[in-house]
Amino acid sequence: MVLESMALAESNGPKSWRIRRDFENVLRAMQRSVDHQKTVTAHGTLMSDERLPLAVLDFPELTNLEGRVLVHGAEESSGRS
């Protein structure tokens, strides 16, 4: 079973499974991670130097920005951009 391989469920006997209570949250977090990677791949650029600082900004409150914008997109869960 797929959920068992992800440590989200375990067999509790024949045709019986015990599911983690937070399985939905774990699956949603995994999906957000995949979505983020797709967004970066489609619209962003990876930093060439891992020592450079990285910041996630709230653009409506931004008054000044120095540096390089790697990706800009709507956050799916809130609809904000």
PDB file of N, CA and C in Angstrom:
ATOM      1  N   MET A   1       0.846  -1.196   0.000  1.00  0.00           N
ATOM      2  CA  MET A   1       0.000   0.000   0.000  1.00  0.00           C
ATOM      3  C   MET A   1       0.881   1.247   0.000  1.00  0.00           C
ATOM      4  N   VAL A   2       0.488   2.239  -0.743  1.00  0.00           N
ATOM      5  CA  VAL A   2       1.280   3.458  -0.885  1.00  0.00           C
ATOM      6  C   VAL A   2       1.413   4.184   0.454  1.00  0.00           C
ATOM      7  N   LEU A   3       0.326   4.328   1.181  1.00  0.00           N
ATOM      8  CA  LEU A   3       0.392   5.034   2.463  1.00  0.00           C
ATOM      9  C   LEU A   3       1.305   4.320   3.448  1.00  0.00           C
ATOM     10  N   GLU A   4       1.357   3.012   3.368  1.00  0.00           N
ATOM     11  CA  GLU A   4       2.246   2.252   4.251  1.00  0.00           C
ATOM     12  C   GLU A   4       3.707   2.546   3.905  1.00  0.00           C
ATOM     13  N   SER A   5       4.032   2.623   2.629  1.00  0.00           N
ATOM     14  CA  SER A   5       5.406   2.913   2.224  1.00  0.00           C
ATOM     15  C   SER A   5       5.821   4.327   2.613  1.00  0.00           C
ATOM     16  N   MET A   6       4.856   5.213   2.835  1.00  0.00           N
ATOM     17  CA  MET A   6       5.130   6.581   3.248  1.00  0.00           C
ATOM     18  C   MET A   6       5.065   6.740   4.761  1.00  0.00           C
ATOM     19  N   ALA A   7       4.882   5.626   5.475  1.00  0.00           N
ATOM     20  CA  ALA A   7       4.760   5.613   6.942  1.00  0.00           C
ATOM     21  C   ALA A   7       3.533   6.391   7.423  1.00  0.00           C
ATOM     22  N   LEU A   8       2.489   6.418   6.597  1.00  0.00           N
ATOM     23  CA  LEU A   8       1.243   7.081   6.983  1.00  0.00           C
ATOM     24  C   LEU A   8       0.178   6.089   7.417  1.00  0.00           C
ATOM     25  N   ALA A   9       0.423   4.804   7.188  1.00  0.00           N
ATOM     26  CA  ALA A   9      -0.535   3.767   7.568  1.00  0.00           C
ATOM     27  C   ALA A   9       0.237   2.479   7.850  1.00  0.00           C
ATOM     28  N   GLU A  10      -0.379   1.630   8.656  1.00  0.00           N
ATOM     29  CA  GLU A  10       0.213   0.315   8.909  1.00  0.00           C
ATOM     30  C   GLU A  10      -0.899  -0.721   8.999  1.00  0.00           C
ATOM     31  N   SER A  11      -0.567  -1.914   8.566  1.00  0.00           N
ATOM     32  CA  SER A  11      -1.533  -3.002   8.581  1.00  0.00           C
ATOM     33  C   SER A  11      -1.882  -3.344  10.022  1.00  0.00           C
ATOM     34  N   ASN A  12      -3.160  -3.527  10.236  1.00  0.00           N
ATOM     35  CA  ASN A  12      -3.663  -3.845  11.571  1.00  0.00           C
ATOM     36  C   ASN A  12      -4.385  -5.187  11.538  1.00  0.00           C
ATOM     37  N   GLY A  13      -4.050  -6.016  10.560  1.00  0.00           N
ATOM     38  CA  GLY A  13      -4.701  -7.303  10.367  1.00  0.00           C
ATOM     39  C   GLY A  13      -5.208  -7.399   8.945  1.00  0.00           C
ATOM     40  N   PRO A  14      -5.832  -8.527   8.607  1.00  0.00           N
ATOM     41  CA  PRO A  14      -6.358  -8.677   7.251  1.00  0.00           C
ATOM     42  C   PRO A  14      -7.467  -7.654   6.963  1.00  0.00           C
ATOM     43  N   LYS A  15      -7.270  -6.918   5.885  1.00  0.00           N
ATOM     44  CA  LYS A  15      -8.242  -5.906   5.439  1.00  0.00           C
ATOM     45  C   LYS A  15      -8.501  -4.823   6.488  1.00  0.00           C
ATOM     46  N   SER A  16      -7.512  -4.570   7.327  1.00  0.00           N
ATOM     47  CA  SER A  16      -7.647  -3.557   8.374  1.00  0.00           C
ATOM     48  C   SER A  16      -6.373  -2.725   8.424  1.00  0.00           C
ATOM     49  N   TRP A  17      -6.536  -1.414   8.467  1.00  0.00           N
ATOM     50  CA  TRP A  17      -5.397  -0.500   8.460  1.00  0.00           C
ATOM     51  C   TRP A  17      -5.545   0.542   9.548  1.00  0.00           C
ATOM     52  N   ARG A  18      -4.430   0.938  10.121  1.00  0.00           N
ATOM     53  CA  ARG A  18      -4.413   2.045  11.078  1.00  0.00           C
ATOM     54  C   ARG A  18      -3.748   3.217  10.358  1.00  0.00           C
ATOM     55  N   ILE A  19      -4.462   4.333  10.256  1.00  0.00           N
ATOM     56  CA  ILE A  19      -4.004   5.511   9.519  1.00  0.00           C
ATOM     57  C   ILE A  19      -3.581   6.588  10.515  1.00  0.00           C
ATOM     58  N   ARG A  20      -2.464   7.260  10.221  1.00  0.00           N
ATOM     59  CA  ARG A  20      -2.031   8.368  11.087  1.00  0.00           C
ATOM     60  C   ARG A  20      -3.102   9.448  11.097  1.00  0.00           C
ATOM     61  N   ARG A  21      -3.302  10.060  12.253  1.00  0.00           N
ATOM     62  CA  ARG A  21      -4.318  11.119  12.368  1.00  0.00           C
ATOM     63  C   ARG A  21      -3.993  12.331  11.507  1.00  0.00           C
ATOM     64  N   ASP A  22      -2.709  12.607  11.333  1.00  0.00           N
ATOM     65  CA  ASP A  22      -2.303  13.796  10.581  1.00  0.00           C
ATOM     66  C   ASP A  22      -1.956  13.489   9.130  1.00  0.00           C
ATOM     67  N   PHE A  23      -2.441  12.366   8.597  1.00  0.00           N
ATOM     68  CA  PHE A  23      -2.064  11.977   7.231  1.00  0.00           C
ATOM     69  C   PHE A  23      -2.446  13.044   6.207  1.00  0.00           C
ATOM     70  N   GLU A  24      -3.588  13.683   6.396  1.00  0.00           N
ATOM     71  CA  GLU A  24      -4.016  14.702   5.436  1.00  0.00           C
ATOM     72  C   GLU A  24      -3.055  15.897   5.450  1.00  0.00           C
ATOM     73  N   ASN A  25      -2.639  16.333   6.632  1.00  0.00           N
ATOM     74  CA  ASN A  25      -1.683  17.443   6.729  1.00  0.00           C
ATOM     75  C   ASN A  25      -0.350  17.079   6.092  1.00  0.00           C
ATOM     76  N   VAL A  26       0.102  15.841   6.313  1.00  0.00           N
ATOM     77  CA  VAL A  26       1.368  15.394   5.735  1.00  0.00           C
ATOM     78  C   VAL A  26       1.269  15.379   4.210  1.00  0.00           C
ATOM     79  N   LEU A  27       0.179  14.849   3.675  1.00  0.00           N
ATOM     80  CA  LEU A  27       0.003  14.803   2.221  1.00  0.00           C
ATOM     81  C   LEU A  27      -0.082  16.211   1.624  1.00  0.00           C
ATOM     82  N   ARG A  28      -0.775  17.120   2.311  1.00  0.00           N
ATOM     83  CA  ARG A  28      -0.870  18.501   1.821  1.00  0.00           C
ATOM     84  C   ARG A  28       0.504  19.182   1.825  1.00  0.00           C
ATOM     85  N   ALA A  29       1.297  18.939   2.874  1.00  0.00           N
ATOM     86  CA  ALA A  29       2.642  19.519   2.940  1.00  0.00           C
ATOM     87  C   ALA A  29       3.508  18.976   1.815  1.00  0.00           C
ATOM     88  N   MET A  30       3.389  17.697   1.534  1.00  0.00           N
ATOM     89  CA  MET A  30       4.140  17.102   0.438  1.00  0.00           C
ATOM     90  C   MET A  30       3.729  17.721  -0.892  1.00  0.00           C
ATOM     91  N   GLN A  31       2.434  17.951  -1.077  1.00  0.00           N
ATOM     92  CA  GLN A  31       1.953  18.546  -2.326  1.00  0.00           C
ATOM     93  C   GLN A  31       2.450  19.977  -2.470  1.00  0.00           C
ATOM     94  N   ARG A  32       2.443  20.742  -1.358  1.00  0.00           N
ATOM     95  CA  ARG A  32       2.960  22.120  -1.421  1.00  0.00           C
ATOM     96  C   ARG A  32       4.432  22.121  -1.817  1.00  0.00           C
ATOM     97  N   SER A  33       5.183  21.161  -1.309  1.00  0.00           N
ATOM     98  CA  SER A  33       6.594  21.062  -1.654  1.00  0.00           C
ATOM     99  C   SER A  33       6.774  20.782  -3.145  1.00  0.00           C
ATOM    100  N   VAL A  34       5.982  19.868  -3.677  1.00  0.00           N
ATOM    101  CA  VAL A  34       6.045  19.554  -5.112  1.00  0.00           C
ATOM    102  C   VAL A  34       5.634  20.768  -5.935  1.00  0.00           C
ATOM    103  N   ASP A  35       4.562  21.441  -5.521  1.00  0.00           N
ATOM    104  CA  ASP A  35       4.106  22.634  -6.232  1.00  0.00           C
ATOM    105  C   ASP A  35       5.186  23.716  -6.233  1.00  0.00           C
ATOM    106  N   HIS A  36       5.849  23.890  -5.092  1.00  0.00           N
ATOM    107  CA  HIS A  36       6.917  24.886  -4.997  1.00  0.00           C
ATOM    108  C   HIS A  36       8.045  24.544  -5.965  1.00  0.00           C
ATOM    109  N   GLN A  37       8.432  23.300  -6.003  1.00  0.00           N
ATOM    110  CA  GLN A  37       9.501  22.884  -6.911  1.00  0.00           C
ATOM    111  C   GLN A  37       9.102  23.112  -8.370  1.00  0.00           C
ATOM    112  N   LYS A  38       7.848  22.834  -8.702  1.00  0.00           N
ATOM    113  CA  LYS A  38       7.377  23.068 -10.070  1.00  0.00           C
ATOM    114  C   LYS A  38       7.418  24.553 -10.415  1.00  0.00           C
ATOM    115  N   THR A  39       7.032  25.405  -9.460  1.00  0.00           N
ATOM    116  CA  THR A  39       7.045  26.848  -9.691  1.00  0.00           C
ATOM    117  C   THR A  39       8.464  27.343  -9.909  1.00  0.00           C
ATOM    118  N   VAL A  40       9.381  26.901  -9.071  1.00  0.00           N
ATOM    119  CA  VAL A  40      10.778  27.315  -9.221  1.00  0.00           C
ATOM    120  C   VAL A  40      11.328  26.834 -10.553  1.00  0.00           C
ATOM    121  N   THR A  41      11.000  25.608 -10.922  1.00  0.00           N
ATOM    122  CA  THR A  41      11.487  25.063 -12.186  1.00  0.00           C
ATOM    123  C   THR A  41      10.929  25.841 -13.371  1.00  0.00           C
ATOM    124  N   ALA A  42       9.643  26.186 -13.300  1.00  0.00           N
ATOM    125  CA  ALA A  42       8.999  26.857 -14.424  1.00  0.00           C
ATOM    126  C   ALA A  42       9.341  28.342 -14.512  1.00  0.00           C
ATOM    127  N   HIS A  43       9.488  29.014 -13.359  1.00  0.00           N
ATOM    128  CA  HIS A  43       9.584  30.471 -13.383  1.00  0.00           C
ATOM    129  C   HIS A  43      10.789  31.039 -12.654  1.00  0.00           C
ATOM    130  N   GLY A  44      11.502  30.228 -11.946  1.00  0.00           N
ATOM    131  CA  GLY A  44      12.564  30.753 -11.102  1.00  0.00           C
ATOM    132  C   GLY A  44      13.944  30.339 -11.554  1.00  0.00           C
ATOM    133  N   THR A  45      14.883  30.737 -10.763  1.00  0.00           N
ATOM    134  CA  THR A  45      16.275  30.436 -11.000  1.00  0.00           C
ATOM    135  C   THR A  45      16.872  29.956  -9.690  1.00  0.00           C
ATOM    136  N   LEU A  46      17.651  28.920  -9.747  1.00  0.00           N
ATOM    137  CA  LEU A  46      18.325  28.462  -8.552  1.00  0.00           C
ATOM    138  C   LEU A  46      19.534  29.351  -8.285  1.00  0.00           C
ATOM    139  N   MET A  47      19.820  29.586  -7.011  1.00  0.00           N
ATOM    140  CA  MET A  47      20.990  30.388  -6.668  1.00  0.00           C
ATOM    141  C   MET A  47      22.247  29.588  -6.956  1.00  0.00           C
ATOM    142  N   SER A  48      23.231  30.239  -7.514  1.00  0.00           N
ATOM    143  CA  SER A  48      24.469  29.547  -7.825  1.00  0.00           C
ATOM    144  C   SER A  48      25.385  29.444  -6.613  1.00  0.00           C
ATOM    145  N   ASP A  49      25.199  30.300  -5.634  1.00  0.00           N
ATOM    146  CA  ASP A  49      26.036  30.287  -4.434  1.00  0.00           C
ATOM    147  C   ASP A  49      25.146  30.077  -3.222  1.00  0.00           C
ATOM    148  N   GLU A  50      25.235  28.906  -2.596  1.00  0.00           N
ATOM    149  CA  GLU A  50      24.364  28.568  -1.465  1.00  0.00           C
ATOM    150  C   GLU A  50      24.608  29.450  -0.249  1.00  0.00           C
ATOM    151  N   ARG A  51      25.721  30.184  -0.224  1.00  0.00           N
ATOM    152  CA  ARG A  51      26.022  31.062   0.913  1.00  0.00           C
ATOM    153  C   ARG A  51      25.259  32.379   0.852  1.00  0.00           C
ATOM    154  N   LEU A  52      24.659  32.699  -0.280  1.00  0.00           N
ATOM    155  CA  LEU A  52      23.918  33.949  -0.420  1.00  0.00           C
ATOM    156  C   LEU A  52      22.635  33.890   0.411  1.00  0.00           C
ATOM    157  N   PRO A  53      22.240  35.017   0.992  1.00  0.00           N
ATOM    158  CA  PRO A  53      21.016  35.023   1.809  1.00  0.00           C
ATOM    159  C   PRO A  53      19.773  34.869   0.937  1.00  0.00           C
ATOM    160  N   LEU A  54      18.775  34.225   1.488  1.00  0.00           N
ATOM    161  CA  LEU A  54      17.505  34.007   0.814  1.00  0.00           C
ATOM    162  C   LEU A  54      16.399  34.538   1.705  1.00  0.00           C
ATOM    163  N   ALA A  55      15.466  35.267   1.149  1.00  0.00           N
ATOM    164  CA  ALA A  55      14.366  35.826   1.934  1.00  0.00           C
ATOM    165  C   ALA A  55      13.072  35.709   1.143  1.00  0.00           C
ATOM    166  N   VAL A  56      11.995  35.392   1.853  1.00  0.00           N
ATOM    167  CA  VAL A  56      10.657  35.395   1.272  1.00  0.00           C
ATOM    168  C   VAL A  56       9.998  36.677   1.744  1.00  0.00           C
ATOM    169  N   LEU A  57       9.529  37.476   0.798  1.00  0.00           N
ATOM    170  CA  LEU A  57       9.011  38.806   1.122  1.00  0.00           C
ATOM    171  C   LEU A  57       7.524  38.910   0.856  1.00  0.00           C
ATOM    172  N   ASP A  58       6.876  39.787   1.602  1.00  0.00           N
ATOM    173  CA  ASP A  58       5.474  40.107   1.389  1.00  0.00           C
ATOM    174  C   ASP A  58       5.442  41.375   0.526  1.00  0.00           C
ATOM    175  N   PHE A  59       5.240  41.213  -0.780  1.00  0.00           N
ATOM    176  CA  PHE A  59       5.369  42.324  -1.719  1.00  0.00           C
ATOM    177  C   PHE A  59       4.480  43.526  -1.423  1.00  0.00           C
ATOM    178  N   PRO A  60       3.229  43.354  -0.979  1.00  0.00           N
ATOM    179  CA  PRO A  60       2.424  44.557  -0.702  1.00  0.00           C
ATOM    180  C   PRO A  60       3.037  45.457   0.376  1.00  0.00           C
ATOM    181  N   GLU A  61       3.818  44.882   1.295  1.00  0.00           N
ATOM    182  CA  GLU A  61       4.427  45.678   2.359  1.00  0.00           C
ATOM    183  C   GLU A  61       5.857  46.109   2.028  1.00  0.00           C
ATOM    184  N   LEU A  62       6.346  45.742   0.868  1.00  0.00           N
ATOM    185  CA  LEU A  62       7.719  46.012   0.467  1.00  0.00           C
ATOM    186  C   LEU A  62       7.871  47.453  -0.010  1.00  0.00           C
ATOM    187  N   THR A  63       8.871  48.155   0.513  1.00  0.00           N
ATOM    188  CA  THR A  63       9.136  49.521   0.064  1.00  0.00           C
ATOM    189  C   THR A  63      10.461  49.625  -0.673  1.00  0.00           C
ATOM    190  N   ASN A  64      11.396  48.723  -0.391  1.00  0.00           N
ATOM    191  CA  ASN A  64      12.704  48.782  -1.009  1.00  0.00           C
ATOM    192  C   ASN A  64      13.241  47.361  -1.153  1.00  0.00           C
ATOM    193  N   LEU A  65      13.878  47.075  -2.277  1.00  0.00           N
ATOM    194  CA  LEU A  65      14.443  45.752  -2.500  1.00  0.00           C
ATOM    195  C   LEU A  65      15.762  45.890  -3.225  1.00  0.00           C
ATOM    196  N   GLU A  66      16.788  45.274  -2.663  1.00  0.00           N
ATOM    197  CA  GLU A  66      18.088  45.219  -3.314  1.00  0.00           C
ATOM    198  C   GLU A  66      18.439  43.761  -3.470  1.00  0.00           C
ATOM    199  N   GLY A  67      18.911  43.386  -4.628  1.00  0.00           N
ATOM    200  CA  GLY A  67      19.299  42.008  -4.848  1.00  0.00           C
ATOM    201  C   GLY A  67      18.630  41.453  -6.081  1.00  0.00           C
ATOM    202  N   ARG A  68      18.429  40.179  -6.070  1.00  0.00           N
ATOM    203  CA  ARG A  68      17.906  39.479  -7.236  1.00  0.00           C
ATOM    204  C   ARG A  68      16.620  38.742  -6.868  1.00  0.00           C
ATOM    205  N   VAL A  69      15.557  38.960  -7.615  1.00  0.00           N
ATOM    206  CA  VAL A  69      14.299  38.251  -7.411  1.00  0.00           C
ATOM    207  C   VAL A  69      14.388  36.947  -8.188  1.00  0.00           C
ATOM    208  N   LEU A  70      14.306  35.818  -7.470  1.00  0.00           N
ATOM    209  CA  LEU A  70      14.454  34.520  -8.115  1.00  0.00           C
ATOM    210  C   LEU A  70      13.141  33.983  -8.651  1.00  0.00           C
ATOM    211  N   VAL A  71      12.063  34.232  -7.944  1.00  0.00           N
ATOM    212  CA  VAL A  71      10.761  33.750  -8.393  1.00  0.00           C
ATOM    213  C   VAL A  71       9.674  34.594  -7.743  1.00  0.00           C
ATOM    214  N   HIS A  72       8.603  34.796  -8.462  1.00  0.00           N
ATOM    215  CA  HIS A  72       7.443  35.520  -7.938  1.00  0.00           C
ATOM    216  C   HIS A  72       6.208  34.802  -8.438  1.00  0.00           C
ATOM    217  N   GLY A  73       5.332  34.449  -7.554  1.00  0.00           N
ATOM    218  CA  GLY A  73       4.121  33.751  -7.973  1.00  0.00           C
ATOM    219  C   GLY A  73       3.066  33.771  -6.893  1.00  0.00           C
ATOM    220  N   ALA A  74       1.885  33.322  -7.241  1.00  0.00           N
ATOM    221  CA  ALA A  74       0.788  33.271  -6.285  1.00  0.00           C
ATOM    222  C   ALA A  74       0.964  32.084  -5.357  1.00  0.00           C
ATOM    223  N   GLU A  75       0.694  32.298  -4.089  1.00  0.00           N
ATOM    224  CA  GLU A  75       0.710  31.222  -3.121  1.00  0.00           C
ATOM    225  C   GLU A  75      -0.643  30.533  -3.210  1.00  0.00           C
ATOM    226  N   GLU A  76      -0.636  29.257  -3.562  1.00  0.00           N
ATOM    227  CA  GLU A  76      -1.871  28.538  -3.850  1.00  0.00           C
ATOM    228  C   GLU A  76      -2.816  28.482  -2.663  1.00  0.00           C
ATOM    229  N   SER A  77      -2.292  28.251  -1.476  1.00  0.00           N
ATOM    230  CA  SER A  77      -3.170  28.055  -0.326  1.00  0.00           C
ATOM    231  C   SER A  77      -3.872  29.340   0.086  1.00  0.00           C
ATOM    232  N   SER A  78      -3.250  30.512  -0.143  1.00  0.00           N
ATOM    233  CA  SER A  78      -3.880  31.758   0.278  1.00  0.00           C
ATOM    234  C   SER A  78      -4.377  32.579  -0.895  1.00  0.00           C
ATOM    235  N   GLY A  79      -3.893  32.288  -2.104  1.00  0.00           N
ATOM    236  CA  GLY A  79      -4.275  33.067  -3.272  1.00  0.00           C
ATOM    237  C   GLY A  79      -3.512  34.360  -3.385  1.00  0.00           C
ATOM    238  N   ARG A  80      -2.580  34.621  -2.428  1.00  0.00           N
ATOM    239  CA  ARG A  80      -1.797  35.863  -2.462  1.00  0.00           C
ATOM    240  C   ARG A  80      -0.688  35.729  -3.492  1.00  0.00           C
ATOM    241  N   SER A  81      -0.252  36.861  -4.000  1.00  0.00           N
ATOM    242  CA  SER A  81       0.892  36.852  -4.914  1.00  0.00           C
ATOM    243  C   SER A  81       1.974  37.772  -4.404  1.00  0.00           C
TER     244      SER A  81
END
